[in-house]
Amino acid sequence: METKKLTCIECPIGCEMEVGVEDGKVVFVKGNSCPRGKMYAENEVVCPKRVLTSSIRARSGEMVSVKTDQPIEKAKIFEIMEKINRTTCDLPVKVGDIVYEKIDGKANLIATTNVGV
């Protein structure tokens, strides 16, 4: 069995955790203060995910900040960034508007600023 040490990023506490992994499966999680930490640790050692933030250019030239509306697999970040780099949008754009639906098959790319409103 392999033991991994993690620092939780789910809240400001930053619990130091140990995760036991055997045959690609989580056997135990120690050190978390809450259920969110346990879930983070389980996901982090099996299939790490992150919310991806970036910016795209509107067709009129302005920059629009964007992010995925849910975490995406860390292994797919470069693939998703290639899609983001080719993406443009029309203005106006408001916070929460979807600028690319299901960019990874599940997560939407949404605007995080109002531009041209």
Protein backbone atom coordinates (compact mmCIF):
# COMPACT_ATOMS: atom_id res chain seq x y z
CA MET A 1 0.00 0.00 0.00
CA GLU A 2 1.16 3.51 -0.86
CA THR A 3 0.61 6.46 1.47
CA LYS A 4 0.37 10.00 0.05
CA LYS A 5 0.49 13.24 2.01
CA LEU A 6 -1.75 16.13 0.88
CA THR A 7 -2.68 19.58 2.04
CA CYS A 8 -6.40 20.17 1.55
CA ILE A 9 -7.35 23.20 -0.57
CA GLU A 10 -11.11 23.05 0.01
CA CYS A 11 -11.12 25.69 2.77
CA PRO A 12 -8.70 28.03 4.58
CA ILE A 13 -7.89 25.48 7.32
CA GLY A 14 -5.53 23.55 5.00
CA CYS A 15 -5.66 20.21 6.77
CA GLU A 16 -2.60 18.00 6.38
CA MET A 17 -3.92 14.61 5.31
CA GLU A 18 -2.62 11.13 4.66
CA VAL A 19 -4.27 8.98 2.02
CA GLY A 20 -3.73 5.26 1.70
CA VAL A 21 -3.96 3.91 -1.85
CA GLU A 22 -3.94 0.28 -2.88
CA ASP A 23 -4.51 -0.98 -6.44
CA GLY A 24 -5.62 2.52 -7.51
CA LYS A 25 -8.29 2.73 -4.81
CA VAL A 26 -8.41 4.83 -1.66
CA VAL A 27 -8.22 2.67 1.46
CA PHE A 28 -8.18 5.41 4.08
CA VAL A 29 -8.05 9.18 4.60
CA LYS A 30 -6.65 10.64 7.84
CA GLY A 31 -6.33 14.22 9.05
CA ASN A 32 -9.34 15.87 7.43
CA SER A 33 -11.51 18.14 9.59
CA CYS A 34 -14.59 17.86 7.40
CA PRO A 35 -16.24 15.64 4.76
CA ARG A 36 -15.15 18.03 1.97
CA GLY A 37 -11.52 17.30 2.84
CA LYS A 38 -12.09 13.58 2.63
CA MET A 39 -13.76 13.93 -0.77
CA TYR A 40 -10.96 16.22 -2.00
CA ALA A 41 -8.30 13.71 -0.90
CA GLU A 42 -10.08 10.77 -2.54
CA ASN A 43 -10.44 12.64 -5.83
CA GLU A 44 -6.93 14.10 -5.74
CA VAL A 45 -5.16 10.74 -5.58
CA VAL A 46 -7.43 8.93 -8.05
CA CYS A 47 -8.34 11.63 -10.61
CA PRO A 48 -7.23 15.18 -9.75
CA LYS A 49 -9.49 17.95 -11.01
CA ARG A 50 -9.24 21.73 -11.15
CA VAL A 51 -11.43 24.65 -12.14
CA LEU A 52 -9.68 26.19 -15.14
CA THR A 53 -9.53 29.98 -15.47
CA SER A 54 -8.35 31.92 -18.51
CA SER A 55 -9.48 34.62 -20.92
CA ILE A 56 -10.78 34.74 -24.47
CA ARG A 57 -10.92 37.54 -27.00
CA ALA A 58 -14.28 38.88 -28.11
CA ARG A 59 -14.65 39.27 -31.88
CA SER A 60 -14.51 43.05 -31.36
CA GLY A 61 -11.12 42.75 -29.61
CA GLU A 62 -11.95 43.05 -25.89
CA MET A 63 -10.73 40.40 -23.47
CA VAL A 64 -13.28 38.39 -21.49
CA SER A 65 -12.23 36.44 -18.39
CA VAL A 66 -13.65 32.92 -18.24
CA LYS A 67 -13.61 29.77 -16.12
CA THR A 68 -15.05 26.28 -16.19
CA ASP A 69 -18.26 25.99 -14.17
CA GLN A 70 -17.01 22.75 -12.59
CA PRO A 71 -13.64 21.11 -12.13
CA ILE A 72 -12.10 19.33 -15.10
CA GLU A 73 -9.60 16.48 -15.08
CA LYS A 74 -6.11 17.84 -14.55
CA ALA A 75 -4.82 15.53 -17.30
CA LYS A 76 -7.06 17.34 -19.84
CA ILE A 77 -5.98 20.92 -19.02
CA PHE A 78 -3.71 21.36 -22.06
CA GLU A 79 -6.35 19.91 -24.39
CA ILE A 80 -9.00 22.26 -22.96
CA MET A 81 -6.63 25.25 -23.14
CA GLU A 82 -6.18 24.62 -26.88
CA LYS A 83 -9.96 24.91 -27.27
CA ILE A 84 -10.07 28.03 -25.11
CA ASN A 85 -7.28 29.65 -27.15
CA ARG A 86 -9.37 29.17 -30.33
CA THR A 87 -12.59 30.45 -28.74
CA THR A 88 -14.11 33.87 -29.38
CA CYS A 89 -17.42 35.40 -28.38
CA ASP A 90 -19.78 38.21 -29.30
CA LEU A 91 -20.50 41.06 -26.92
CA PRO A 92 -22.25 41.84 -24.68
CA VAL A 93 -21.27 39.14 -22.20
CA LYS A 94 -22.47 39.00 -18.61
CA VAL A 95 -21.10 37.09 -15.64
CA GLY A 96 -22.31 33.50 -15.89
CA ASP A 97 -22.99 33.53 -19.64
CA ILE A 98 -21.88 30.29 -21.30
CA VAL A 99 -19.28 31.02 -23.98
CA TYR A 100 -18.47 27.37 -24.77
CA GLU A 101 -20.93 24.63 -23.88
CA LYS A 102 -19.50 21.34 -22.56
CA ILE A 103 -15.89 22.22 -23.37
CA ASP A 104 -14.73 18.87 -21.97
CA GLY A 105 -17.98 16.99 -22.54
CA LYS A 106 -19.40 18.09 -19.16
CA ALA A 107 -18.15 21.49 -17.95
CA ASN A 108 -19.25 24.75 -19.53
CA LEU A 109 -16.87 27.67 -20.05
CA ILE A 110 -18.53 30.74 -18.53
CA ALA A 111 -17.75 34.46 -18.43
CA THR A 112 -16.54 35.82 -15.09
CA THR A 113 -16.82 39.53 -15.99
CA ASN A 114 -19.34 41.80 -17.67
CA VAL A 115 -18.00 43.14 -20.97
CA GLY A 116 -19.87 45.42 -23.34
CA VAL A 117 -22.93 45.53 -21.09
